[in-house]
């Protein structure tokens, strides 16, 4: 029996859980915040009426969701654009796996550049880490720092372009 797209792609991806695609996930009315907190999610009040949890998700083990059966509703409903195109036959599983591999390499390049610039908060969302690194004062006399920031900007642009093209549409 052939595996479906979720079984083939999601364990090789995780970009929706590791903060590459999203900085946080908002809960739905049907979610049970107390239960999700017990399962390991740290919730915060995003707005007066919205509760969320930050990414990277504390329940993501690098391949799979540790609370899959009890995951928040929004997580259960989310299907990335790449998965949708595999399920409609527009993209093959093999091509999708290559796109995932490329995006993960691009995200790791961004993370590596962030670390080299001193931004090592791995439990912070990737976009927040980038914002923190880019808002730090720059010493224009330090050519290496200026060059790394330029590399980071280009790497983030490449990653965001790939995410928009392959995962978010």
Protein backbone atom coordinates (compact mmCIF):
# COMPACT_ATOMS: atom_id res chain seq x y z
CA UNK A 1 0.00 0.00 0.00
CA UNK A 2 1.43 3.40 -0.98
CA UNK A 3 2.04 5.94 1.74
CA UNK A 4 0.19 9.24 1.52
CA UNK A 5 1.90 12.62 1.20
CA UNK A 6 1.83 13.33 4.92
CA UNK A 7 3.55 10.03 5.76
CA UNK A 8 6.23 10.63 3.13
CA UNK A 9 6.88 14.35 3.43
CA UNK A 10 6.16 15.53 6.97
CA UNK A 11 8.72 13.34 8.82
CA UNK A 12 11.37 14.60 6.38
CA UNK A 13 10.37 18.24 6.75
CA UNK A 14 9.18 19.84 10.00
CA UNK A 15 9.52 23.39 8.69
CA UNK A 16 6.07 24.20 10.09
CA UNK A 17 7.20 23.11 13.58
CA UNK A 18 10.85 24.25 13.78
CA UNK A 19 10.11 28.01 13.38
CA UNK A 20 11.23 28.19 9.76
CA UNK A 21 7.69 28.86 8.51
CA UNK A 22 6.02 30.32 11.60
CA UNK A 23 7.07 32.27 14.68
CA UNK A 24 4.04 31.12 16.69
CA UNK A 25 0.79 29.18 16.42
CA UNK A 26 -2.52 30.59 17.60
CA UNK A 27 -4.92 28.29 19.40
CA UNK A 28 -8.49 27.77 18.23
CA UNK A 29 -11.54 27.98 20.48
CA UNK A 30 -11.85 24.17 20.57
CA UNK A 31 -8.29 23.72 21.87
CA UNK A 32 -7.79 22.90 25.53
CA UNK A 33 -5.02 25.22 26.79
CA UNK A 34 -4.59 23.48 30.16
CA UNK A 35 -4.14 20.11 28.45
CA UNK A 36 -1.70 21.54 25.88
CA UNK A 37 0.29 23.10 28.70
CA UNK A 38 0.42 19.72 30.47
CA UNK A 39 1.71 18.17 27.25
CA UNK A 40 4.63 20.60 27.12
CA UNK A 41 3.52 23.67 25.19
CA UNK A 42 4.26 27.02 26.78
CA UNK A 43 1.32 29.24 26.00
CA UNK A 44 1.22 33.02 25.99
CA UNK A 45 -1.45 35.67 25.53
CA UNK A 46 -0.84 37.07 22.04
CA UNK A 47 -3.75 39.48 22.09
CA UNK A 48 -6.61 40.13 24.46
CA UNK A 49 -8.53 37.23 22.92
CA UNK A 50 -5.80 35.06 21.40
CA UNK A 51 -3.58 32.46 23.05
CA UNK A 52 -0.60 31.02 21.18
CA UNK A 53 2.58 29.02 21.62
CA UNK A 54 5.98 29.90 20.25
CA UNK A 55 7.98 28.14 17.62
CA UNK A 56 10.11 26.11 17.49
CA UNK A 57 7.50 23.84 19.02
CA UNK A 58 8.58 22.22 22.27
CA UNK A 59 6.72 19.05 21.24
CA UNK A 60 8.58 18.62 17.93
CA UNK A 61 11.38 16.08 18.21
CA UNK A 62 13.08 17.01 14.93
CA UNK A 63 11.02 14.58 12.86
CA UNK A 64 7.64 14.07 14.47
CA UNK A 65 5.15 15.67 16.84
CA UNK A 66 5.32 14.10 20.30
CA UNK A 67 1.67 15.08 20.96
CA UNK A 68 0.29 14.30 17.50
CA UNK A 69 -3.00 12.80 18.76
CA UNK A 70 -3.58 15.81 21.05
CA UNK A 71 -2.00 18.53 18.89
CA UNK A 72 -3.71 21.92 18.57
CA UNK A 73 -6.49 22.18 16.00
CA UNK A 74 -4.56 24.65 13.82
CA UNK A 75 -1.68 22.16 13.58
CA UNK A 76 -4.06 19.39 12.56
CA UNK A 77 -5.64 21.53 9.85
CA UNK A 78 -2.42 22.93 8.37
CA UNK A 79 -1.24 21.58 5.04
CA UNK A 80 1.63 23.36 3.36
CA UNK A 81 1.44 24.23 -0.32
CA UNK A 82 3.99 21.58 -1.20
CA UNK A 83 1.94 18.83 0.44
CA UNK A 84 -1.19 20.05 -1.36
CA UNK A 85 0.59 19.95 -4.71
CA UNK A 86 1.86 16.41 -4.04
CA UNK A 87 -1.65 15.28 -3.13
CA UNK A 88 -3.07 16.73 -6.38
CA UNK A 89 -0.28 15.16 -8.45
CA UNK A 90 1.15 18.52 -9.52
CA UNK A 91 4.49 17.68 -7.84
CA UNK A 92 6.02 14.24 -7.38
CA UNK A 93 7.07 13.00 -3.96
CA UNK A 94 10.67 12.85 -5.18
CA UNK A 95 10.60 16.49 -6.34
CA UNK A 96 8.93 17.53 -3.09
CA UNK A 97 11.59 15.79 -1.01
CA UNK A 98 14.27 17.67 -2.97
CA UNK A 99 12.50 20.98 -2.27
CA UNK A 100 12.31 20.09 1.42
CA UNK A 101 16.00 19.21 1.50
CA UNK A 102 16.92 22.47 -0.21
CA UNK A 103 14.76 24.55 2.14
CA UNK A 104 16.19 22.81 5.21
CA UNK A 105 19.74 23.48 3.98
CA UNK A 106 18.85 27.12 3.39
CA UNK A 107 17.33 27.40 6.88
CA UNK A 108 20.42 25.81 8.42
CA UNK A 109 22.62 28.25 6.52
CA UNK A 110 20.61 31.11 8.05
CA UNK A 111 20.91 29.55 11.52
CA UNK A 112 24.67 29.11 11.06
CA UNK A 113 25.09 32.74 10.03
CA UNK A 114 23.00 33.84 13.00
CA UNK A 115 25.22 31.83 15.34
CA UNK A 116 28.36 33.34 13.78
CA UNK A 117 26.92 36.81 14.43
CA UNK A 118 26.35 35.91 18.08
CA UNK A 119 22.60 35.15 17.91
CA UNK A 120 22.46 31.74 19.59
CA UNK A 121 18.91 31.70 21.00
CA UNK A 122 17.93 28.40 19.36
CA UNK A 123 14.54 28.35 21.17
CA UNK A 124 13.62 31.69 19.56
CA UNK A 125 11.72 31.78 16.26
CA UNK A 126 13.97 32.14 13.24
CA UNK A 127 12.41 35.45 12.15
CA UNK A 128 12.85 36.86 15.67
CA UNK A 129 16.48 35.73 15.75
CA UNK A 130 17.07 37.43 12.41
CA UNK A 131 15.43 40.65 13.63
CA UNK A 132 17.55 40.61 16.80
CA UNK A 133 20.77 40.06 14.86
CA UNK A 134 20.01 42.76 12.31
CA UNK A 135 18.97 45.32 14.93
CA UNK A 136 22.24 44.97 16.84
CA UNK A 137 24.61 47.92 16.38
CA UNK A 138 27.03 47.47 13.52
CA UNK A 139 30.66 48.49 13.52
CA UNK A 140 31.30 49.54 9.93
CA UNK A 141 35.03 49.29 10.56
CA UNK A 142 34.61 45.56 11.15
CA UNK A 143 34.55 44.26 7.57
CA UNK A 144 33.90 40.65 8.64
CA UNK A 145 30.77 41.64 10.60
CA UNK A 146 29.43 43.75 7.74
CA UNK A 147 30.14 40.94 5.27
CA UNK A 148 28.40 38.33 7.47
CA UNK A 149 25.34 40.56 7.82
CA UNK A 150 25.23 40.90 4.05
CA UNK A 151 25.49 37.13 3.66
CA UNK A 152 22.73 36.72 6.23
CA UNK A 153 20.45 39.13 4.38
CA UNK A 154 20.98 37.25 1.12
CA UNK A 155 20.51 33.85 2.79
CA UNK A 156 17.25 34.99 4.43
CA UNK A 157 16.05 36.35 1.08
CA UNK A 158 16.79 33.02 -0.61
CA UNK A 159 15.03 31.11 2.16
CA UNK A 160 11.95 33.36 2.19
CA UNK A 161 11.69 33.15 -1.60
CA UNK A 162 11.76 29.34 -1.46
CA UNK A 163 9.27 29.20 1.42
CA UNK A 164 6.82 31.51 -0.35
CA UNK A 165 7.16 29.62 -3.64
CA UNK A 166 7.11 26.05 -2.34
CA UNK A 167 5.43 25.95 1.08
CA UNK A 168 3.17 28.95 1.67
CA UNK A 169 1.12 29.14 -1.51
